[in-house]
Amino acid sequence: MGVDTLLQVATATAAEHSARTGADAEAEHGAMVRALREADPERYPRVAATAEELVSGSPAQRLAWTFRMVVNGVAATAR
């Protein structure tokens, strides 16, 4: 069960990163970071509360965190 989720995350991550190769990739990423940081706390309280954590770290650190999150979630979830 967990391997399916891990593979989905890996595939989605690869697809997302492969799309960031165009001339506008840096500007698009910057716009996403700004949108997260400027999220309305009334409408998106969880995003606003965790915005800095969502965009912190290097790409390699975020990728490692993502896989740890999935593996730990699978391990902690009853079948």
PDB file of N, CA and C in Angstrom:
ATOM      1  N   MET A   1       0.816  -1.183   0.000  1.00  0.00           N
ATOM      2  CA  MET A   1       0.000   0.000   0.000  1.00  0.00           C
ATOM      3  C   MET A   1       0.865   1.255   0.000  1.00  0.00           C
ATOM      4  N   GLY A   2       1.836   1.304   0.876  1.00  0.00           N
ATOM      5  CA  GLY A   2       2.661   2.493   0.991  1.00  0.00           C
ATOM      6  C   GLY A   2       3.538   2.737  -0.219  1.00  0.00           C
ATOM      7  N   VAL A   3       3.962   1.651  -0.871  1.00  0.00           N
ATOM      8  CA  VAL A   3       4.837   1.829  -2.031  1.00  0.00           C
ATOM      9  C   VAL A   3       4.114   2.568  -3.156  1.00  0.00           C
ATOM     10  N   ASP A   4       2.814   2.354  -3.295  1.00  0.00           N
ATOM     11  CA  ASP A   4       2.047   3.082  -4.311  1.00  0.00           C
ATOM     12  C   ASP A   4       2.086   4.585  -4.052  1.00  0.00           C
ATOM     13  N   THR A   5       1.898   4.958  -2.808  1.00  0.00           N
ATOM     14  CA  THR A   5       1.926   6.377  -2.444  1.00  0.00           C
ATOM     15  C   THR A   5       3.317   6.955  -2.650  1.00  0.00           C
ATOM     16  N   LEU A   6       4.337   6.227  -2.244  1.00  0.00           N
ATOM     17  CA  LEU A   6       5.707   6.693  -2.427  1.00  0.00           C
ATOM     18  C   LEU A   6       6.019   6.892  -3.910  1.00  0.00           C
ATOM     19  N   LEU A   7       5.594   5.970  -4.747  1.00  0.00           N
ATOM     20  CA  LEU A   7       5.825   6.105  -6.188  1.00  0.00           C
ATOM     21  C   LEU A   7       5.023   7.260  -6.783  1.00  0.00           C
ATOM     22  N   GLN A   8       3.813   7.486  -6.287  1.00  0.00           N
ATOM     23  CA  GLN A   8       3.024   8.630  -6.760  1.00  0.00           C
ATOM     24  C   GLN A   8       3.717   9.942  -6.433  1.00  0.00           C
ATOM     25  N   VAL A   9       4.239  10.050  -5.227  1.00  0.00           N
ATOM     26  CA  VAL A   9       4.941  11.271  -4.823  1.00  0.00           C
ATOM     27  C   VAL A   9       6.198  11.453  -5.671  1.00  0.00           C
ATOM     28  N   ALA A  10       6.943  10.382  -5.881  1.00  0.00           N
ATOM     29  CA  ALA A  10       8.155  10.476  -6.699  1.00  0.00           C
ATOM     30  C   ALA A  10       7.826  10.899  -8.125  1.00  0.00           C
ATOM     31  N   THR A  11       6.775  10.331  -8.694  1.00  0.00           N
ATOM     32  CA  THR A  11       6.371  10.675 -10.060  1.00  0.00           C
ATOM     33  C   THR A  11       5.892  12.114 -10.149  1.00  0.00           C
ATOM     34  N   ALA A  12       5.069  12.531  -9.208  1.00  0.00           N
ATOM     35  CA  ALA A  12       4.566  13.912  -9.211  1.00  0.00           C
ATOM     36  C   ALA A  12       5.708  14.904  -9.032  1.00  0.00           C
ATOM     37  N   THR A  13       6.656  14.571  -8.169  1.00  0.00           N
ATOM     38  CA  THR A  13       7.799  15.454  -7.941  1.00  0.00           C
ATOM     39  C   THR A  13       8.647  15.567  -9.202  1.00  0.00           C
ATOM     40  N   ALA A  14       8.900  14.452  -9.855  1.00  0.00           N
ATOM     41  CA  ALA A  14       9.680  14.482 -11.095  1.00  0.00           C
ATOM     42  C   ALA A  14       8.970  15.288 -12.173  1.00  0.00           C
ATOM     43  N   ALA A  15       7.665  15.106 -12.292  1.00  0.00           N
ATOM     44  CA  ALA A  15       6.900  15.860 -13.295  1.00  0.00           C
ATOM     45  C   ALA A  15       6.932  17.353 -12.994  1.00  0.00           C
ATOM     46  N   GLU A  16       6.786  17.704 -11.731  1.00  0.00           N
ATOM     47  CA  GLU A  16       6.804  19.120 -11.343  1.00  0.00           C
ATOM     48  C   GLU A  16       8.154  19.749 -11.658  1.00  0.00           C
ATOM     49  N   HIS A  17       9.229  19.061 -11.323  1.00  0.00           N
ATOM     50  CA  HIS A  17      10.557  19.627 -11.549  1.00  0.00           C
ATOM     51  C   HIS A  17      10.927  19.665 -13.025  1.00  0.00           C
ATOM     52  N   SER A  18      10.440  18.730 -13.809  1.00  0.00           N
ATOM     53  CA  SER A  18      10.746  18.759 -15.241  1.00  0.00           C
ATOM     54  C   SER A  18      10.043  19.915 -15.934  1.00  0.00           C
ATOM     55  N   ALA A  19       8.959  20.396 -15.342  1.00  0.00           N
ATOM     56  CA  ALA A  19       8.221  21.520 -15.926  1.00  0.00           C
ATOM     57  C   ALA A  19       8.885  22.855 -15.611  1.00  0.00           C
ATOM     58  N   ARG A  20       9.857  22.861 -14.731  1.00  0.00           N
ATOM     59  CA  ARG A  20      10.530  24.106 -14.332  1.00  0.00           C
ATOM     60  C   ARG A  20      11.790  24.359 -15.146  1.00  0.00           C
ATOM     61  N   THR A  21      11.723  24.167 -16.427  1.00  0.00           N
ATOM     62  CA  THR A  21      12.912  24.358 -17.250  1.00  0.00           C
ATOM     63  C   THR A  21      12.775  25.508 -18.234  1.00  0.00           C
ATOM     64  N   GLY A  22      11.611  26.096 -18.338  1.00  0.00           N
ATOM     65  CA  GLY A  22      11.390  27.176 -19.295  1.00  0.00           C
ATOM     66  C   GLY A  22      11.982  28.493 -18.840  1.00  0.00           C
ATOM     67  N   ALA A  23      11.897  29.465 -19.715  1.00  0.00           N
ATOM     68  CA  ALA A  23      12.437  30.797 -19.438  1.00  0.00           C
ATOM     69  C   ALA A  23      11.746  31.459 -18.253  1.00  0.00           C
ATOM     70  N   ASP A  24      10.502  31.121 -18.011  1.00  0.00           N
ATOM     71  CA  ASP A  24       9.734  31.740 -16.931  1.00  0.00           C
ATOM     72  C   ASP A  24       9.758  30.938 -15.632  1.00  0.00           C
ATOM     73  N   ALA A  25      10.540  29.868 -15.585  1.00  0.00           N
ATOM     74  CA  ALA A  25      10.518  28.965 -14.427  1.00  0.00           C
ATOM     75  C   ALA A  25      10.832  29.686 -13.123  1.00  0.00           C
ATOM     76  N   GLU A  26      11.858  30.516 -13.121  1.00  0.00           N
ATOM     77  CA  GLU A  26      12.246  31.215 -11.890  1.00  0.00           C
ATOM     78  C   GLU A  26      11.160  32.182 -11.441  1.00  0.00           C
ATOM     79  N   ALA A  27      10.584  32.907 -12.389  1.00  0.00           N
ATOM     80  CA  ALA A  27       9.515  33.859 -12.059  1.00  0.00           C
ATOM     81  C   ALA A  27       8.276  33.130 -11.543  1.00  0.00           C
ATOM     82  N   GLU A  28       7.942  31.993 -12.147  1.00  0.00           N
ATOM     83  CA  GLU A  28       6.784  31.221 -11.699  1.00  0.00           C
ATOM     84  C   GLU A  28       7.000  30.691 -10.282  1.00  0.00           C
ATOM     85  N   HIS A  29       8.210  30.213 -10.014  1.00  0.00           N
ATOM     86  CA  HIS A  29       8.514  29.717  -8.664  1.00  0.00           C
ATOM     87  C   HIS A  29       8.427  30.865  -7.655  1.00  0.00           C
ATOM     88  N   GLY A  30       8.962  32.011  -8.013  1.00  0.00           N
ATOM     89  CA  GLY A  30       8.885  33.176  -7.133  1.00  0.00           C
ATOM     90  C   GLY A  30       7.452  33.586  -6.850  1.00  0.00           C
ATOM     91  N   ALA A  31       6.603  33.513  -7.872  1.00  0.00           N
ATOM     92  CA  ALA A  31       5.188  33.858  -7.693  1.00  0.00           C
ATOM     93  C   ALA A  31       4.506  32.880  -6.743  1.00  0.00           C
ATOM     94  N   MET A  32       4.860  31.600  -6.851  1.00  0.00           N
ATOM     95  CA  MET A  32       4.275  30.602  -5.955  1.00  0.00           C
ATOM     96  C   MET A  32       4.709  30.860  -4.510  1.00  0.00           C
ATOM     97  N   VAL A  33       5.987  31.151  -4.321  1.00  0.00           N
ATOM     98  CA  VAL A  33       6.500  31.428  -2.976  1.00  0.00           C
ATOM     99  C   VAL A  33       5.809  32.656  -2.393  1.00  0.00           C
ATOM    100  N   ARG A  34       5.667  33.708  -3.182  1.00  0.00           N
ATOM    101  CA  ARG A  34       4.970  34.910  -2.711  1.00  0.00           C
ATOM    102  C   ARG A  34       3.524  34.606  -2.344  1.00  0.00           C
ATOM    103  N   ALA A  35       2.851  33.820  -3.176  1.00  0.00           N
ATOM    104  CA  ALA A  35       1.447  33.481  -2.902  1.00  0.00           C
ATOM    105  C   ALA A  35       1.317  32.734  -1.578  1.00  0.00           C
ATOM    106  N   LEU A  36       2.219  31.816  -1.309  1.00  0.00           N
ATOM    107  CA  LEU A  36       2.175  31.081  -0.041  1.00  0.00           C
ATOM    108  C   LEU A  36       2.446  32.011   1.135  1.00  0.00           C
ATOM    109  N   ARG A  37       3.449  32.858   0.995  1.00  0.00           N
ATOM    110  CA  ARG A  37       3.797  33.780   2.083  1.00  0.00           C
ATOM    111  C   ARG A  37       2.709  34.814   2.340  1.00  0.00           C
ATOM    112  N   GLU A  38       1.946  35.155   1.311  1.00  0.00           N
ATOM    113  CA  GLU A  38       0.912  36.181   1.438  1.00  0.00           C
ATOM    114  C   GLU A  38      -0.492  35.592   1.598  1.00  0.00           C
ATOM    115  N   ALA A  39      -0.575  34.293   1.861  1.00  0.00           N
ATOM    116  CA  ALA A  39      -1.883  33.643   2.013  1.00  0.00           C
ATOM    117  C   ALA A  39      -2.691  34.314   3.117  1.00  0.00           C
ATOM    118  N   ASP A  40      -3.956  34.534   2.847  1.00  0.00           N
ATOM    119  CA  ASP A  40      -4.869  35.174   3.801  1.00  0.00           C
ATOM    120  C   ASP A  40      -5.096  34.237   4.989  1.00  0.00           C
ATOM    121  N   PRO A  41      -4.682  34.638   6.192  1.00  0.00           N
ATOM    122  CA  PRO A  41      -4.844  33.760   7.354  1.00  0.00           C
ATOM    123  C   PRO A  41      -6.297  33.474   7.715  1.00  0.00           C
ATOM    124  N   GLU A  42      -7.198  34.341   7.311  1.00  0.00           N
ATOM    125  CA  GLU A  42      -8.625  34.097   7.572  1.00  0.00           C
ATOM    126  C   GLU A  42      -9.144  32.968   6.677  1.00  0.00           C
ATOM    127  N   ARG A  43      -8.710  32.992   5.436  1.00  0.00           N
ATOM    128  CA  ARG A  43      -9.210  32.025   4.458  1.00  0.00           C
ATOM    129  C   ARG A  43      -8.375  30.741   4.422  1.00  0.00           C
ATOM    130  N   TYR A  44      -7.066  30.882   4.601  1.00  0.00           N
ATOM    131  CA  TYR A  44      -6.145  29.743   4.528  1.00  0.00           C
ATOM    132  C   TYR A  44      -5.269  29.700   5.785  1.00  0.00           C
ATOM    133  N   PRO A  45      -5.862  29.449   6.945  1.00  0.00           N
ATOM    134  CA  PRO A  45      -5.089  29.544   8.191  1.00  0.00           C
ATOM    135  C   PRO A  45      -3.901  28.589   8.268  1.00  0.00           C
ATOM    136  N   ARG A  46      -4.044  27.390   7.779  1.00  0.00           N
ATOM    137  CA  ARG A  46      -2.936  26.429   7.867  1.00  0.00           C
ATOM    138  C   ARG A  46      -1.797  26.801   6.930  1.00  0.00           C
ATOM    139  N   VAL A  47      -2.134  27.271   5.740  1.00  0.00           N
ATOM    140  CA  VAL A  47      -1.093  27.709   4.807  1.00  0.00           C
ATOM    141  C   VAL A  47      -0.372  28.924   5.381  1.00  0.00           C
ATOM    142  N   ALA A  48      -1.125  29.899   5.869  1.00  0.00           N
ATOM    143  CA  ALA A  48      -0.517  31.107   6.434  1.00  0.00           C
ATOM    144  C   ALA A  48       0.383  30.768   7.622  1.00  0.00           C
ATOM    145  N   ALA A  49      -0.043  29.828   8.442  1.00  0.00           N
ATOM    146  CA  ALA A  49       0.724  29.468   9.637  1.00  0.00           C
ATOM    147  C   ALA A  49       2.008  28.714   9.312  1.00  0.00           C
ATOM    148  N   THR A  50       2.045  28.021   8.193  1.00  0.00           N
ATOM    149  CA  THR A  50       3.209  27.197   7.857  1.00  0.00           C
ATOM    150  C   THR A  50       3.928  27.659   6.598  1.00  0.00           C
ATOM    151  N   ALA A  51       3.612  28.835   6.103  1.00  0.00           N
ATOM    152  CA  ALA A  51       4.159  29.309   4.825  1.00  0.00           C
ATOM    153  C   ALA A  51       5.678  29.244   4.780  1.00  0.00           C
ATOM    154  N   GLU A  52       6.338  29.730   5.807  1.00  0.00           N
ATOM    155  CA  GLU A  52       7.809  29.730   5.787  1.00  0.00           C
ATOM    156  C   GLU A  52       8.368  28.313   5.765  1.00  0.00           C
ATOM    157  N   GLU A  53       7.738  27.406   6.488  1.00  0.00           N
ATOM    158  CA  GLU A  53       8.192  26.016   6.470  1.00  0.00           C
ATOM    159  C   GLU A  53       7.948  25.378   5.107  1.00  0.00           C
ATOM    160  N   LEU A  54       6.875  25.764   4.449  1.00  0.00           N
ATOM    161  CA  LEU A  54       6.553  25.197   3.142  1.00  0.00           C
ATOM    162  C   LEU A  54       7.580  25.567   2.082  1.00  0.00           C
ATOM    163  N   VAL A  55       8.234  26.709   2.233  1.00  0.00           N
ATOM    164  CA  VAL A  55       9.172  27.168   1.199  1.00  0.00           C
ATOM    165  C   VAL A  55      10.619  27.181   1.681  1.00  0.00           C
ATOM    166  N   SER A  56      10.885  26.675   2.873  1.00  0.00           N
ATOM    167  CA  SER A  56      12.246  26.719   3.402  1.00  0.00           C
ATOM    168  C   SER A  56      13.069  25.541   2.893  1.00  0.00           C
ATOM    169  N   GLY A  57      14.367  25.678   3.018  1.00  0.00           N
ATOM    170  CA  GLY A  57      15.283  24.604   2.652  1.00  0.00           C
ATOM    171  C   GLY A  57      15.626  24.587   1.178  1.00  0.00           C
ATOM    172  N   SER A  58      16.691  23.866   0.886  1.00  0.00           N
ATOM    173  CA  SER A  58      17.120  23.699  -0.506  1.00  0.00           C
ATOM    174  C   SER A  58      16.208  22.679  -1.185  1.00  0.00           C
ATOM    175  N   PRO A  59      16.244  22.615  -2.505  1.00  0.00           N
ATOM    176  CA  PRO A  59      15.442  21.584  -3.180  1.00  0.00           C
ATOM    177  C   PRO A  59      15.750  20.172  -2.670  1.00  0.00           C
ATOM    178  N   ALA A  60      17.020  19.873  -2.432  1.00  0.00           N
ATOM    179  CA  ALA A  60      17.384  18.537  -1.939  1.00  0.00           C
ATOM    180  C   ALA A  60      16.823  18.294  -0.540  1.00  0.00           C
ATOM    181  N   GLN A  61      16.862  19.318   0.312  1.00  0.00           N
ATOM    182  CA  GLN A  61      16.306  19.177   1.660  1.00  0.00           C
ATOM    183  C   GLN A  61      14.797  18.973   1.618  1.00  0.00           C
ATOM    184  N   ARG A  62      14.116  19.710   0.742  1.00  0.00           N
ATOM    185  CA  ARG A  62      12.661  19.560   0.639  1.00  0.00           C
ATOM    186  C   ARG A  62      12.294  18.179   0.105  1.00  0.00           C
ATOM    187  N   LEU A  63      13.065  17.672  -0.846  1.00  0.00           N
ATOM    188  CA  LEU A  63      12.793  16.345  -1.395  1.00  0.00           C
ATOM    189  C   LEU A  63      12.981  15.272  -0.323  1.00  0.00           C
ATOM    190  N   ALA A  64      14.072  15.355   0.417  1.00  0.00           N
ATOM    191  CA  ALA A  64      14.315  14.378   1.485  1.00  0.00           C
ATOM    192  C   ALA A  64      13.206  14.439   2.529  1.00  0.00           C
ATOM    193  N   TRP A  65      12.777  15.655   2.890  1.00  0.00           N
ATOM    194  CA  TRP A  65      11.691  15.822   3.862  1.00  0.00           C
ATOM    195  C   TRP A  65      10.402  15.190   3.336  1.00  0.00           C
ATOM    196  N   THR A  66      10.121  15.390   2.055  1.00  0.00           N
ATOM    197  CA  THR A  66       8.904  14.835   1.455  1.00  0.00           C
ATOM    198  C   THR A  66       8.882  13.319   1.584  1.00  0.00           C
ATOM    199  N   PHE A  67       9.990  12.671   1.253  1.00  0.00           N
ATOM    200  CA  PHE A  67      10.020  11.217   1.335  1.00  0.00           C
ATOM    201  C   PHE A  67       9.948  10.734   2.786  1.00  0.00           C
ATOM    202  N   ARG A  68      10.602  11.451   3.712  1.00  0.00           N
ATOM    203  CA  ARG A  68      10.473  11.080   5.137  1.00  0.00           C
ATOM    204  C   ARG A  68       9.032  11.214   5.597  1.00  0.00           C
ATOM    205  N   MET A  69       8.366  12.285   5.164  1.00  0.00           N
ATOM    206  CA  MET A  69       6.974  12.513   5.558  1.00  0.00           C
ATOM    207  C   MET A  69       6.089  11.356   5.080  1.00  0.00           C
ATOM    208  N   VAL A  70       6.266  10.945   3.831  1.00  0.00           N
ATOM    209  CA  VAL A  70       5.437   9.865   3.287  1.00  0.00           C
ATOM    210  C   VAL A  70       5.727   8.553   4.015  1.00  0.00           C
ATOM    211  N   VAL A  71       6.986   8.218   4.169  1.00  0.00           N
ATOM    212  CA  VAL A  71       7.345   6.958   4.825  1.00  0.00           C
ATOM    213  C   VAL A  71       6.861   6.946   6.275  1.00  0.00           C
ATOM    214  N   ASN A  72       7.066   8.040   7.002  1.00  0.00           N
ATOM    215  CA  ASN A  72       6.594   8.109   8.390  1.00  0.00           C
ATOM    216  C   ASN A  72       5.071   8.053   8.464  1.00  0.00           C
ATOM    217  N   GLY A  73       4.395   8.686   7.523  1.00  0.00           N
ATOM    218  CA  GLY A  73       2.930   8.643   7.491  1.00  0.00           C
ATOM    219  C   GLY A  73       2.413   7.239   7.238  1.00  0.00           C
ATOM    220  N   VAL A  74       3.056   6.537   6.318  1.00  0.00           N
ATOM    221  CA  VAL A  74       2.657   5.154   6.032  1.00  0.00           C
ATOM    222  C   VAL A  74       2.888   4.290   7.273  1.00  0.00           C
ATOM    223  N   ALA A  75       4.031   4.473   7.910  1.00  0.00           N
ATOM    224  CA  ALA A  75       4.351   3.664   9.093  1.00  0.00           C
ATOM    225  C   ALA A  75       3.393   3.934  10.250  1.00  0.00           C
ATOM    226  N   ALA A  76       2.883   5.157  10.349  1.00  0.00           N
ATOM    227  CA  ALA A  76       2.020   5.527  11.475  1.00  0.00           C
ATOM    228  C   ALA A  76       0.537   5.295  11.216  1.00  0.00           C
ATOM    229  N   THR A  77       0.179   4.923  10.001  1.00  0.00           N
ATOM    230  CA  THR A  77      -1.233   4.770   9.646  1.00  0.00           C
ATOM    231  C   THR A  77      -1.646   3.302   9.731  1.00  0.00           C
ATOM    232  N   ALA A  78      -2.675   3.045  10.514  1.00  0.00           N
ATOM    233  CA  ALA A  78      -3.169   1.667  10.653  1.00  0.00           C
ATOM    234  C   ALA A  78      -3.771   1.189   9.336  1.00  0.00           C
ATOM    235  N   ARG A  79      -3.667  -0.104   9.108  1.00  0.00           N
ATOM    236  CA  ARG A  79      -4.243  -0.680   7.883  1.00  0.00           C
ATOM    237  C   ARG A  79      -5.653  -1.115   8.129  1.00  0.00           C
TER     238      ARG A  79
END
